[in-house]
Amino acid sequence: MMKVCNKCKISKPLTEYAKLKKSLNYLVHDFHSFLGFMFVDPDYRGKGINGRIIDELTTWSKEKGATVLNLTVFAENNSGIRAYEKIGFEKSVIEMRKDI
């Protein structure tokens, strides 16, 4: 697992990470990299930090043999969805839940 906390040179801590995972047997790629807890403090948004984080995680993931990046984002997080789409992510799976 790779953490990127010190790569962006900002004073607030970040907790983003990438984790190499074996892909399910019905997918065409053997490994993918799951990007977890992608959060940038609101005071630092719009400054390219998310893109720099993704760049670092992409480099690490490629070095480990991953050919796909996956992440999850809350459906109501429209600004997050736009930010990820802006750097090339596409919607692929909708996860649903029901409180019981």
C-alpha atoms as a PDB file:
ATOM      1  CA  MET A   1       0.000   0.000   0.000  1.00  0.00           C
ATOM      2  CA  MET A   2       1.259   3.491  -0.788  1.00  0.00           C
ATOM      3  CA  LYS A   3       0.350   6.600   1.186  1.00  0.00           C
ATOM      4  CA  VAL A   4       0.855  10.024  -0.356  1.00  0.00           C
ATOM      5  CA  CYS A   5       0.647  12.255   2.702  1.00  0.00           C
ATOM      6  CA  ASN A   6       3.947  14.076   2.219  1.00  0.00           C
ATOM      7  CA  LYS A   7       3.996  14.455  -1.565  1.00  0.00           C
ATOM      8  CA  CYS A   8       1.794  17.549  -1.904  1.00  0.00           C
ATOM      9  CA  LYS A   9       3.613  19.910   0.456  1.00  0.00           C
ATOM     10  CA  ILE A  10       0.612  21.207   2.373  1.00  0.00           C
ATOM     11  CA  SER A  11       0.328  21.655   6.098  1.00  0.00           C
ATOM     12  CA  LYS A  12      -2.788  19.575   6.728  1.00  0.00           C
ATOM     13  CA  PRO A  13      -2.476  15.776   6.761  1.00  0.00           C
ATOM     14  CA  LEU A  14      -3.894  13.720   3.933  1.00  0.00           C
ATOM     15  CA  THR A  15      -4.946  10.096   4.191  1.00  0.00           C
ATOM     16  CA  GLU A  16      -5.132   9.029   0.555  1.00  0.00           C
ATOM     17  CA  TYR A  17      -3.744   5.641  -0.340  1.00  0.00           C
ATOM     18  CA  ALA A  18      -3.570   3.093  -3.136  1.00  0.00           C
ATOM     19  CA  LYS A  19      -3.829  -0.630  -2.529  1.00  0.00           C
ATOM     20  CA  LEU A  20      -2.993  -3.233  -5.154  1.00  0.00           C
ATOM     21  CA  LYS A  21      -5.763  -5.825  -5.437  1.00  0.00           C
ATOM     22  CA  LYS A  22      -6.244  -9.007  -7.436  1.00  0.00           C
ATOM     23  CA  SER A  23      -9.109  -8.421  -9.834  1.00  0.00           C
ATOM     24  CA  LEU A  24     -12.095 -10.738 -10.058  1.00  0.00           C
ATOM     25  CA  ASN A  25     -11.710 -13.545 -12.564  1.00  0.00           C
ATOM     26  CA  TYR A  26     -14.383 -12.198 -14.933  1.00  0.00           C
ATOM     27  CA  LEU A  27     -12.517  -8.904 -15.474  1.00  0.00           C
ATOM     28  CA  VAL A  28     -10.020  -8.490 -18.307  1.00  0.00           C
ATOM     29  CA  HIS A  29      -7.254  -7.085 -16.075  1.00  0.00           C
ATOM     30  CA  ASP A  30      -5.376  -9.196 -13.533  1.00  0.00           C
ATOM     31  CA  PHE A  31      -4.695  -6.439 -11.007  1.00  0.00           C
ATOM     32  CA  HIS A  32      -6.161  -3.059 -10.233  1.00  0.00           C
ATOM     33  CA  SER A  33      -5.290  -0.369  -7.762  1.00  0.00           C
ATOM     34  CA  PHE A  34      -8.002   0.756  -5.365  1.00  0.00           C
ATOM     35  CA  LEU A  35      -7.657   4.384  -4.325  1.00  0.00           C
ATOM     36  CA  GLY A  36      -9.028   4.851  -0.849  1.00  0.00           C
ATOM     37  CA  PHE A  37     -10.255   7.793   1.193  1.00  0.00           C
ATOM     38  CA  MET A  38      -9.565  10.487  -1.369  1.00  0.00           C
ATOM     39  CA  PHE A  39     -10.174  13.669   0.612  1.00  0.00           C
ATOM     40  CA  VAL A  40      -8.687  17.136   0.242  1.00  0.00           C
ATOM     41  CA  ASP A  41      -9.491  19.738   2.876  1.00  0.00           C
ATOM     42  CA  PRO A  42     -11.896  22.373   1.478  1.00  0.00           C
ATOM     43  CA  ASP A  43      -9.289  25.110   2.093  1.00  0.00           C
ATOM     44  CA  TYR A  44      -7.012  23.392  -0.451  1.00  0.00           C
ATOM     45  CA  ARG A  45      -9.503  22.398  -3.148  1.00  0.00           C
ATOM     46  CA  GLY A  46      -9.192  23.878  -6.612  1.00  0.00           C
ATOM     47  CA  LYS A  47      -5.385  24.017  -6.355  1.00  0.00           C
ATOM     48  CA  GLY A  48      -4.586  20.835  -8.284  1.00  0.00           C
ATOM     49  CA  ILE A  49      -3.845  18.773  -5.192  1.00  0.00           C
ATOM     50  CA  ASN A  50      -6.240  15.961  -6.103  1.00  0.00           C
ATOM     51  CA  GLY A  51      -4.594  15.675  -9.528  1.00  0.00           C
ATOM     52  CA  ARG A  52      -1.112  15.533  -7.999  1.00  0.00           C
ATOM     53  CA  ILE A  53      -2.234  12.866  -5.558  1.00  0.00           C
ATOM     54  CA  ILE A  54      -3.750  10.804  -8.373  1.00  0.00           C
ATOM     55  CA  ASP A  55      -0.539  11.235 -10.428  1.00  0.00           C
ATOM     56  CA  GLU A  56       1.582   9.841  -7.578  1.00  0.00           C
ATOM     57  CA  LEU A  57      -0.804   6.966  -6.942  1.00  0.00           C
ATOM     58  CA  THR A  58      -0.962   6.210 -10.685  1.00  0.00           C
ATOM     59  CA  THR A  59       2.828   6.030 -10.940  1.00  0.00           C
ATOM     60  CA  TRP A  60       3.025   3.703  -7.934  1.00  0.00           C
ATOM     61  CA  SER A  61       0.180   1.547  -9.262  1.00  0.00           C
ATOM     62  CA  LYS A  62       1.798   1.147 -12.698  1.00  0.00           C
ATOM     63  CA  GLU A  63       5.093   0.188 -11.067  1.00  0.00           C
ATOM     64  CA  LYS A  64       3.235  -2.571  -9.189  1.00  0.00           C
ATOM     65  CA  GLY A  65       1.606  -3.930 -12.368  1.00  0.00           C
ATOM     66  CA  ALA A  66      -1.880  -2.461 -12.102  1.00  0.00           C
ATOM     67  CA  THR A  67      -3.541  -1.415 -15.335  1.00  0.00           C
ATOM     68  CA  VAL A  68      -6.749   0.014 -13.856  1.00  0.00           C
ATOM     69  CA  LEU A  69      -7.503   2.484 -11.043  1.00  0.00           C
ATOM     70  CA  ASN A  70     -10.729   2.124  -9.048  1.00  0.00           C
ATOM     71  CA  LEU A  71     -12.204   4.337  -6.369  1.00  0.00           C
ATOM     72  CA  THR A  72     -15.528   4.919  -4.699  1.00  0.00           C
ATOM     73  CA  VAL A  73     -17.265   8.231  -4.259  1.00  0.00           C
ATOM     74  CA  PHE A  74     -20.567   8.993  -2.555  1.00  0.00           C
ATOM     75  CA  ALA A  75     -23.393   9.476  -5.076  1.00  0.00           C
ATOM     76  CA  GLU A  76     -24.288  12.891  -3.626  1.00  0.00           C
ATOM     77  CA  ASN A  77     -20.681  14.146  -3.827  1.00  0.00           C
ATOM     78  CA  ASN A  78     -21.148  15.964  -7.137  1.00  0.00           C
ATOM     79  CA  SER A  79     -17.975  18.037  -6.821  1.00  0.00           C
ATOM     80  CA  GLY A  80     -15.948  14.886  -6.155  1.00  0.00           C
ATOM     81  CA  ILE A  81     -17.523  13.098  -9.120  1.00  0.00           C
ATOM     82  CA  ARG A  82     -16.740  16.072 -11.383  1.00  0.00           C
ATOM     83  CA  ALA A  83     -13.154  16.214 -10.112  1.00  0.00           C
ATOM     84  CA  TYR A  84     -12.591  12.536 -10.887  1.00  0.00           C
ATOM     85  CA  GLU A  85     -14.267  12.777 -14.286  1.00  0.00           C
ATOM     86  CA  LYS A  86     -12.080  15.783 -15.082  1.00  0.00           C
ATOM     87  CA  ILE A  87      -8.954  13.628 -14.715  1.00  0.00           C
ATOM     88  CA  GLY A  88     -10.295  10.697 -16.718  1.00  0.00           C
ATOM     89  CA  PHE A  89     -12.327   8.500 -14.382  1.00  0.00           C
ATOM     90  CA  GLU A  90     -15.606   7.109 -15.707  1.00  0.00           C
ATOM     91  CA  LYS A  91     -18.618   5.791 -13.806  1.00  0.00           C
ATOM     92  CA  SER A  92     -18.637   2.001 -13.979  1.00  0.00           C
ATOM     93  CA  VAL A  93     -20.621   0.435 -11.104  1.00  0.00           C
ATOM     94  CA  ILE A  94     -23.446   1.713  -8.978  1.00  0.00           C
ATOM     95  CA  GLU A  95     -23.379   0.378  -5.437  1.00  0.00           C
ATOM     96  CA  MET A  96     -26.728   0.450  -3.703  1.00  0.00           C
ATOM     97  CA  ARG A  97     -27.704   0.066  -0.081  1.00  0.00           C
ATOM     98  CA  LYS A  98     -30.781  -0.053   2.074  1.00  0.00           C
ATOM     99  CA  ASP A  99     -30.948   0.685   5.789  1.00  0.00           C
ATOM    100  CA  ILE A 100     -32.875  -1.986   7.670  1.00  0.00           C
END
